[in-house]
Amino acid sequence: MNTSETKNEVPSTMSVSASQVKELRDRTGAGMLDCKKALEESGGDMEAAIDFLRSRGAAKAAKRAEKATHEGVVGHYIHHGGRIGVLVEVNCETDFVANTDDVQELARDLAMHVAATAPLAVRVDDIPEDVVERERQVYLEQVREEGKPEHIQEKIVEGKLRKFFEENTLLKQPFVKDTEKTVEELVTEISARTGEKIEVARFARLAVGESD
């Protein structure tokens, strides 16, 4: 077999410059190797490479949903001259990622968000059942007082409950620094960027003069 012919059969990989990789990394926050691969796959087209990273990143984040998150960081925020204080625990898979700027900033931003919006819980399932039932009864009484037909009362109540969850559950709330996305979408973005599962474990919000 002719050695030169065998070599010619091997497809060459497009050459990507270090400056291109750096630019893509600066724009996306993705890892160097991921940026290099994205540029190679997109033929050096920067915008196509960004789309490639976004699509692959979201898919990776979904695949890591069952991963354990034993590392993390606690973000904190003090608001209104010390009258409101918040702690938020954000978990990830490794201490390396926990110490990245992405996760550190996420924890701080979420603490600030909780100070501003005062959610009742991280997730819908975390809201106590007695609180949900109390809201349900209030909404049911409202639709009865409004004279709504009985056969649509329950549907209206469920719609009001969904709105209640969106307003009072941290992950469902619009993020205060970018209301075009929810907190849940923000967490997914950071998870995709870091390549690890990231989740909000819990938060504590204290305000002077308020009690549980």
C-alpha atoms as a PDB file:
ATOM      1  CA  MET A   1       0.000   0.000   0.000  1.00  0.00           C
ATOM      2  CA  ASN A   2       1.273   3.481  -0.889  1.00  0.00           C
ATOM      3  CA  THR A   3       1.949   5.380   2.349  1.00  0.00           C
ATOM      4  CA  SER A   4       1.480   8.786   0.722  1.00  0.00           C
ATOM      5  CA  GLU A   5      -1.942   7.756  -0.606  1.00  0.00           C
ATOM      6  CA  THR A   6      -3.010   6.596   2.869  1.00  0.00           C
ATOM      7  CA  LYS A   7      -1.980   9.931   4.332  1.00  0.00           C
ATOM      8  CA  ASN A   8      -3.966  11.812   1.703  1.00  0.00           C
ATOM      9  CA  GLU A   9      -7.109   9.942   2.671  1.00  0.00           C
ATOM     10  CA  VAL A  10      -7.063  11.428   6.187  1.00  0.00           C
ATOM     11  CA  PRO A  11      -9.165  14.631   6.238  1.00  0.00           C
ATOM     12  CA  SER A  12      -7.360  17.683   7.544  1.00  0.00           C
ATOM     13  CA  THR A  13      -8.758  19.740  10.420  1.00  0.00           C
ATOM     14  CA  MET A  14      -9.309  23.428   9.772  1.00  0.00           C
ATOM     15  CA  SER A  15      -6.670  25.595  11.386  1.00  0.00           C
ATOM     16  CA  VAL A  16      -8.084  27.897  14.071  1.00  0.00           C
ATOM     17  CA  SER A  17      -5.986  30.755  15.414  1.00  0.00           C
ATOM     18  CA  ALA A  18      -5.439  31.426  19.103  1.00  0.00           C
ATOM     19  CA  SER A  19      -6.934  34.904  18.684  1.00  0.00           C
ATOM     20  CA  GLN A  20     -10.162  33.406  17.308  1.00  0.00           C
ATOM     21  CA  VAL A  21     -10.392  31.006  20.233  1.00  0.00           C
ATOM     22  CA  LYS A  22      -9.766  33.847  22.694  1.00  0.00           C
ATOM     23  CA  GLU A  23     -12.428  36.036  21.081  1.00  0.00           C
ATOM     24  CA  LEU A  24     -14.999  33.234  21.232  1.00  0.00           C
ATOM     25  CA  ARG A  25     -14.093  32.468  24.841  1.00  0.00           C
ATOM     26  CA  ASP A  26     -14.413  36.147  25.782  1.00  0.00           C
ATOM     27  CA  ARG A  27     -17.834  36.308  24.151  1.00  0.00           C
ATOM     28  CA  THR A  28     -19.241  33.061  25.535  1.00  0.00           C
ATOM     29  CA  GLY A  29     -17.273  32.110  28.636  1.00  0.00           C
ATOM     30  CA  ALA A  30     -16.908  28.567  27.260  1.00  0.00           C
ATOM     31  CA  GLY A  31     -13.752  26.478  27.741  1.00  0.00           C
ATOM     32  CA  MET A  32     -10.779  26.819  25.389  1.00  0.00           C
ATOM     33  CA  LEU A  33     -11.130  23.320  23.920  1.00  0.00           C
ATOM     34  CA  ASP A  34     -14.878  23.771  23.414  1.00  0.00           C
ATOM     35  CA  CYS A  35     -14.255  27.100  21.646  1.00  0.00           C
ATOM     36  CA  LYS A  36     -11.638  25.532  19.383  1.00  0.00           C
ATOM     37  CA  LYS A  37     -13.968  22.660  18.454  1.00  0.00           C
ATOM     38  CA  ALA A  38     -16.883  25.046  17.819  1.00  0.00           C
ATOM     39  CA  LEU A  39     -14.767  27.156  15.460  1.00  0.00           C
ATOM     40  CA  GLU A  40     -13.528  24.068  13.637  1.00  0.00           C
ATOM     41  CA  GLU A  41     -17.070  22.728  13.272  1.00  0.00           C
ATOM     42  CA  SER A  42     -18.352  26.081  11.994  1.00  0.00           C
ATOM     43  CA  GLY A  43     -15.517  26.668   9.523  1.00  0.00           C
ATOM     44  CA  GLY A  44     -14.240  29.670  11.465  1.00  0.00           C
ATOM     45  CA  ASP A  45     -17.603  31.505  11.420  1.00  0.00           C
ATOM     46  CA  MET A  46     -17.747  33.249  14.815  1.00  0.00           C
ATOM     47  CA  GLU A  47     -21.543  33.624  15.000  1.00  0.00           C
ATOM     48  CA  ALA A  48     -22.097  30.016  13.923  1.00  0.00           C
ATOM     49  CA  ALA A  49     -19.592  28.919  16.550  1.00  0.00           C
ATOM     50  CA  ILE A  50     -21.542  30.815  19.220  1.00  0.00           C
ATOM     51  CA  ASP A  51     -24.763  29.067  18.136  1.00  0.00           C
ATOM     52  CA  PHE A  52     -22.930  25.742  18.196  1.00  0.00           C
ATOM     53  CA  LEU A  53     -21.777  26.318  21.785  1.00  0.00           C
ATOM     54  CA  ARG A  54     -25.222  27.432  22.908  1.00  0.00           C
ATOM     55  CA  SER A  55     -26.967  24.367  21.489  1.00  0.00           C
ATOM     56  CA  ARG A  56     -24.343  21.915  22.747  1.00  0.00           C
ATOM     57  CA  GLY A  57     -24.157  23.624  26.124  1.00  0.00           C
ATOM     58  CA  ALA A  58     -27.892  23.389  26.779  1.00  0.00           C
ATOM     59  CA  ALA A  59     -27.864  19.727  25.770  1.00  0.00           C
ATOM     60  CA  LYS A  60     -24.949  18.975  28.093  1.00  0.00           C
ATOM     61  CA  ALA A  61     -26.701  20.714  30.971  1.00  0.00           C
ATOM     62  CA  ALA A  62     -29.795  18.554  30.451  1.00  0.00           C
ATOM     63  CA  LYS A  63     -27.705  15.366  30.365  1.00  0.00           C
ATOM     64  CA  ARG A  64     -26.093  16.269  33.699  1.00  0.00           C
ATOM     65  CA  ALA A  65     -29.451  16.654  35.464  1.00  0.00           C
ATOM     66  CA  GLU A  66     -28.924  13.486  37.520  1.00  0.00           C
ATOM     67  CA  LYS A  67     -25.376  14.317  38.579  1.00  0.00           C
ATOM     68  CA  ALA A  68     -24.596  14.823  42.273  1.00  0.00           C
ATOM     69  CA  THR A  69     -23.787  18.348  43.432  1.00  0.00           C
ATOM     70  CA  HIS A  70     -21.715  18.116  46.611  1.00  0.00           C
ATOM     71  CA  GLU A  71     -19.679  21.288  46.099  1.00  0.00           C
ATOM     72  CA  GLY A  72     -20.750  24.890  45.849  1.00  0.00           C
ATOM     73  CA  VAL A  73     -20.715  28.351  47.317  1.00  0.00           C
ATOM     74  CA  VAL A  74     -22.838  30.552  49.588  1.00  0.00           C
ATOM     75  CA  GLY A  75     -23.588  33.975  48.160  1.00  0.00           C
ATOM     76  CA  HIS A  76     -24.583  36.864  50.393  1.00  0.00           C
ATOM     77  CA  TYR A  77     -26.127  40.305  50.045  1.00  0.00           C
ATOM     78  CA  ILE A  78     -26.922  43.107  52.484  1.00  0.00           C
ATOM     79  CA  HIS A  79     -29.534  45.630  51.397  1.00  0.00           C
ATOM     80  CA  HIS A  80     -31.066  48.896  52.628  1.00  0.00           C
ATOM     81  CA  GLY A  81     -28.410  49.918  55.110  1.00  0.00           C
ATOM     82  CA  GLY A  82     -28.282  46.508  56.739  1.00  0.00           C
ATOM     83  CA  ARG A  83     -32.036  46.076  57.151  1.00  0.00           C
ATOM     84  CA  ILE A  84     -32.241  43.087  54.774  1.00  0.00           C
ATOM     85  CA  GLY A  85     -29.729  40.249  54.583  1.00  0.00           C
ATOM     86  CA  VAL A  86     -29.725  37.178  52.322  1.00  0.00           C
ATOM     87  CA  LEU A  87     -27.719  33.966  52.050  1.00  0.00           C
ATOM     88  CA  VAL A  88     -28.084  31.691  49.006  1.00  0.00           C
ATOM     89  CA  GLU A  89     -26.483  28.253  48.608  1.00  0.00           C
ATOM     90  CA  VAL A  90     -25.591  27.337  45.016  1.00  0.00           C
ATOM     91  CA  ASN A  91     -24.346  23.790  44.413  1.00  0.00           C
ATOM     92  CA  CYS A  92     -22.237  22.289  41.623  1.00  0.00           C
ATOM     93  CA  GLU A  93     -20.233  19.119  40.992  1.00  0.00           C
ATOM     94  CA  THR A  94     -16.658  20.236  41.711  1.00  0.00           C
ATOM     95  CA  ASP A  95     -14.868  22.786  43.876  1.00  0.00           C
ATOM     96  CA  PHE A  96     -13.033  23.972  40.747  1.00  0.00           C
ATOM     97  CA  VAL A  97     -16.285  25.183  39.181  1.00  0.00           C
ATOM     98  CA  ALA A  98     -17.509  26.476  42.549  1.00  0.00           C
ATOM     99  CA  ASN A  99     -14.564  28.880  42.548  1.00  0.00           C
ATOM    100  CA  THR A 100     -15.111  30.175  39.013  1.00  0.00           C
ATOM    101  CA  ASP A 101     -16.282  33.741  38.425  1.00  0.00           C
ATOM    102  CA  ASP A 102     -19.486  32.409  36.814  1.00  0.00           C
ATOM    103  CA  VAL A 103     -20.671  30.548  39.907  1.00  0.00           C
ATOM    104  CA  GLN A 104     -19.441  33.156  42.379  1.00  0.00           C
ATOM    105  CA  GLU A 105     -21.278  35.885  40.478  1.00  0.00           C
ATOM    106  CA  LEU A 106     -24.396  33.729  40.152  1.00  0.00           C
ATOM    107  CA  ALA A 107     -24.523  33.228  43.928  1.00  0.00           C
ATOM    108  CA  ARG A 108     -24.149  36.971  44.566  1.00  0.00           C
ATOM    109  CA  ASP A 109     -26.744  37.876  41.950  1.00  0.00           C
ATOM    110  CA  LEU A 110     -29.251  35.388  43.351  1.00  0.00           C
ATOM    111  CA  ALA A 111     -28.746  36.746  46.868  1.00  0.00           C
ATOM    112  CA  MET A 112     -29.478  40.240  45.557  1.00  0.00           C
ATOM    113  CA  HIS A 113     -32.496  38.896  43.659  1.00  0.00           C
ATOM    114  CA  VAL A 114     -33.914  37.248  46.793  1.00  0.00           C
ATOM    115  CA  ALA A 115     -33.432  40.494  48.749  1.00  0.00           C
ATOM    116  CA  ALA A 116     -35.468  42.360  46.126  1.00  0.00           C
ATOM    117  CA  THR A 117     -38.254  39.831  45.445  1.00  0.00           C
ATOM    118  CA  ALA A 118     -38.660  37.869  48.714  1.00  0.00           C
ATOM    119  CA  PRO A 119     -39.702  34.505  47.187  1.00  0.00           C
ATOM    120  CA  LEU A 120     -41.328  31.923  49.442  1.00  0.00           C
ATOM    121  CA  ALA A 121     -39.282  28.951  48.209  1.00  0.00           C
ATOM    122  CA  VAL A 122     -36.752  27.812  45.623  1.00  0.00           C
ATOM    123  CA  ARG A 123     -39.141  25.491  43.772  1.00  0.00           C
ATOM    124  CA  VAL A 124     -42.887  25.022  43.533  1.00  0.00           C
ATOM    125  CA  ASP A 125     -42.653  21.716  45.399  1.00  0.00           C
ATOM    126  CA  ASP A 126     -40.914  23.498  48.288  1.00  0.00           C
ATOM    127  CA  ILE A 127     -43.906  25.704  49.089  1.00  0.00           C
ATOM    128  CA  PRO A 128     -45.736  24.183  52.083  1.00  0.00           C
ATOM    129  CA  GLU A 129     -49.003  22.481  51.170  1.00  0.00           C
ATOM    130  CA  ASP A 130     -50.947  24.488  53.767  1.00  0.00           C
ATOM    131  CA  VAL A 131     -49.813  27.730  52.095  1.00  0.00           C
ATOM    132  CA  VAL A 132     -50.908  26.455  48.675  1.00  0.00           C
ATOM    133  CA  GLU A 133     -54.265  25.304  50.052  1.00  0.00           C
ATOM    134  CA  ARG A 134     -54.857  28.658  51.765  1.00  0.00           C
ATOM    135  CA  GLU A 135     -54.223  30.463  48.474  1.00  0.00           C
ATOM    136  CA  ARG A 136     -56.500  28.038  46.655  1.00  0.00           C
ATOM    137  CA  GLN A 137     -59.369  28.727  49.040  1.00  0.00           C
ATOM    138  CA  VAL A 138     -58.899  32.494  48.741  1.00  0.00           C
ATOM    139  CA  TYR A 139     -58.996  32.301  44.942  1.00  0.00           C
ATOM    140  CA  LEU A 140     -62.021  30.019  45.016  1.00  0.00           C
ATOM    141  CA  GLU A 141     -63.895  32.480  47.215  1.00  0.00           C
ATOM    142  CA  GLN A 142     -62.898  35.303  44.864  1.00  0.00           C
ATOM    143  CA  VAL A 143     -64.325  33.620  41.757  1.00  0.00           C
ATOM    144  CA  ARG A 144     -67.500  32.750  43.636  1.00  0.00           C
ATOM    145  CA  GLU A 145     -67.931  36.366  44.716  1.00  0.00           C
ATOM    146  CA  GLU A 146     -67.379  37.441  41.120  1.00  0.00           C
ATOM    147  CA  GLY A 147     -70.226  35.173  40.073  1.00  0.00           C
ATOM    148  CA  LYS A 148     -68.165  33.030  37.734  1.00  0.00           C
ATOM    149  CA  PRO A 149     -69.974  29.922  36.401  1.00  0.00           C
ATOM    150  CA  GLU A 150     -69.326  26.898  38.591  1.00  0.00           C
ATOM    151  CA  HIS A 151     -68.007  24.751  35.745  1.00  0.00           C
ATOM    152  CA  ILE A 152     -65.074  27.142  35.079  1.00  0.00           C
ATOM    153  CA  GLN A 153     -64.294  28.133  38.664  1.00  0.00           C
ATOM    154  CA  GLU A 154     -61.659  25.443  39.169  1.00  0.00           C
ATOM    155  CA  LYS A 155     -59.920  26.342  35.905  1.00  0.00           C
ATOM    156  CA  ILE A 156     -59.714  29.994  36.937  1.00  0.00           C
ATOM    157  CA  VAL A 157     -58.380  29.024  40.362  1.00  0.00           C
ATOM    158  CA  GLU A 158     -55.646  26.874  38.782  1.00  0.00           C
ATOM    159  CA  GLY A 159     -54.639  29.796  36.592  1.00  0.00           C
ATOM    160  CA  LYS A 160     -54.381  32.054  39.636  1.00  0.00           C
ATOM    161  CA  LEU A 161     -52.264  29.451  41.416  1.00  0.00           C
ATOM    162  CA  ARG A 162     -49.866  29.255  38.472  1.00  0.00           C
ATOM    163  CA  LYS A 163     -49.465  33.019  38.683  1.00  0.00           C
ATOM    164  CA  PHE A 164     -48.878  32.722  42.441  1.00  0.00           C
ATOM    165  CA  PHE A 165     -46.109  30.167  41.848  1.00  0.00           C
ATOM    166  CA  GLU A 166     -44.467  32.340  39.191  1.00  0.00           C
ATOM    167  CA  GLU A 167     -44.426  35.319  41.546  1.00  0.00           C
ATOM    168  CA  ASN A 168     -43.323  33.483  44.697  1.00  0.00           C
ATOM    169  CA  THR A 169     -41.006  30.683  43.550  1.00  0.00           C
ATOM    170  CA  LEU A 170     -37.373  31.723  43.055  1.00  0.00           C
ATOM    171  CA  LEU A 171     -36.706  29.651  39.929  1.00  0.00           C
ATOM    172  CA  LYS A 172     -39.908  30.824  38.233  1.00  0.00           C
ATOM    173  CA  GLN A 173     -39.375  34.538  38.909  1.00  0.00           C
ATOM    174  CA  PRO A 174     -38.026  36.867  36.194  1.00  0.00           C
ATOM    175  CA  PHE A 175     -34.383  37.596  37.038  1.00  0.00           C
ATOM    176  CA  VAL A 176     -34.160  41.163  38.414  1.00  0.00           C
ATOM    177  CA  LYS A 177     -31.086  42.069  36.336  1.00  0.00           C
ATOM    178  CA  ASP A 178     -32.603  40.724  33.103  1.00  0.00           C
ATOM    179  CA  THR A 179     -36.372  40.260  33.224  1.00  0.00           C
ATOM    180  CA  GLU A 180     -36.360  38.657  29.777  1.00  0.00           C
ATOM    181  CA  LYS A 181     -35.236  35.412  31.439  1.00  0.00           C
ATOM    182  CA  THR A 182     -36.280  33.523  34.566  1.00  0.00           C
ATOM    183  CA  VAL A 183     -33.891  32.590  37.359  1.00  0.00           C
ATOM    184  CA  GLU A 184     -34.207  28.985  36.203  1.00  0.00           C
ATOM    185  CA  GLU A 185     -33.086  29.952  32.697  1.00  0.00           C
ATOM    186  CA  LEU A 186     -30.165  31.890  34.159  1.00  0.00           C
ATOM    187  CA  VAL A 187     -29.034  28.857  36.172  1.00  0.00           C
ATOM    188  CA  THR A 188     -29.297  26.672  33.054  1.00  0.00           C
ATOM    189  CA  GLU A 189     -27.131  29.136  31.117  1.00  0.00           C
ATOM    190  CA  ILE A 190     -24.401  29.048  33.768  1.00  0.00           C
ATOM    191  CA  SER A 191     -24.629  25.255  33.917  1.00  0.00           C
ATOM    192  CA  ALA A 192     -24.158  25.076  30.140  1.00  0.00           C
ATOM    193  CA  ARG A 193     -21.243  27.496  30.284  1.00  0.00           C
ATOM    194  CA  THR A 194     -19.385  25.629  33.025  1.00  0.00           C
ATOM    195  CA  GLY A 195     -20.238  22.124  31.810  1.00  0.00           C
ATOM    196  CA  GLU A 196     -21.495  21.047  35.242  1.00  0.00           C
ATOM    197  CA  LYS A 197     -24.852  20.612  36.872  1.00  0.00           C
ATOM    198  CA  ILE A 198     -25.652  23.707  38.932  1.00  0.00           C
ATOM    199  CA  GLU A 199     -28.631  24.095  41.211  1.00  0.00           C
ATOM    200  CA  VAL A 200     -29.942  26.410  43.893  1.00  0.00           C
ATOM    201  CA  ALA A 201     -30.131  24.435  47.128  1.00  0.00           C
ATOM    202  CA  ARG A 202     -31.714  26.931  49.553  1.00  0.00           C
ATOM    203  CA  PHE A 203     -31.809  30.521  50.703  1.00  0.00           C
ATOM    204  CA  ALA A 204     -32.428  32.478  53.884  1.00  0.00           C
ATOM    205  CA  ARG A 205     -33.771  36.035  53.917  1.00  0.00           C
ATOM    206  CA  LEU A 206     -33.835  38.155  57.053  1.00  0.00           C
ATOM    207  CA  ALA A 207     -35.439  41.592  57.292  1.00  0.00           C
ATOM    208  CA  VAL A 208     -35.494  43.836  60.342  1.00  0.00           C
ATOM    209  CA  GLY A 209     -38.978  43.901  61.853  1.00  0.00           C
ATOM    210  CA  GLU A 210     -40.204  40.847  59.956  1.00  0.00           C
ATOM    211  CA  SER A 211     -40.874  37.448  61.504  1.00  0.00           C
ATOM    212  CA  ASP A 212     -41.674  34.007  60.071  1.00  0.00           C
END
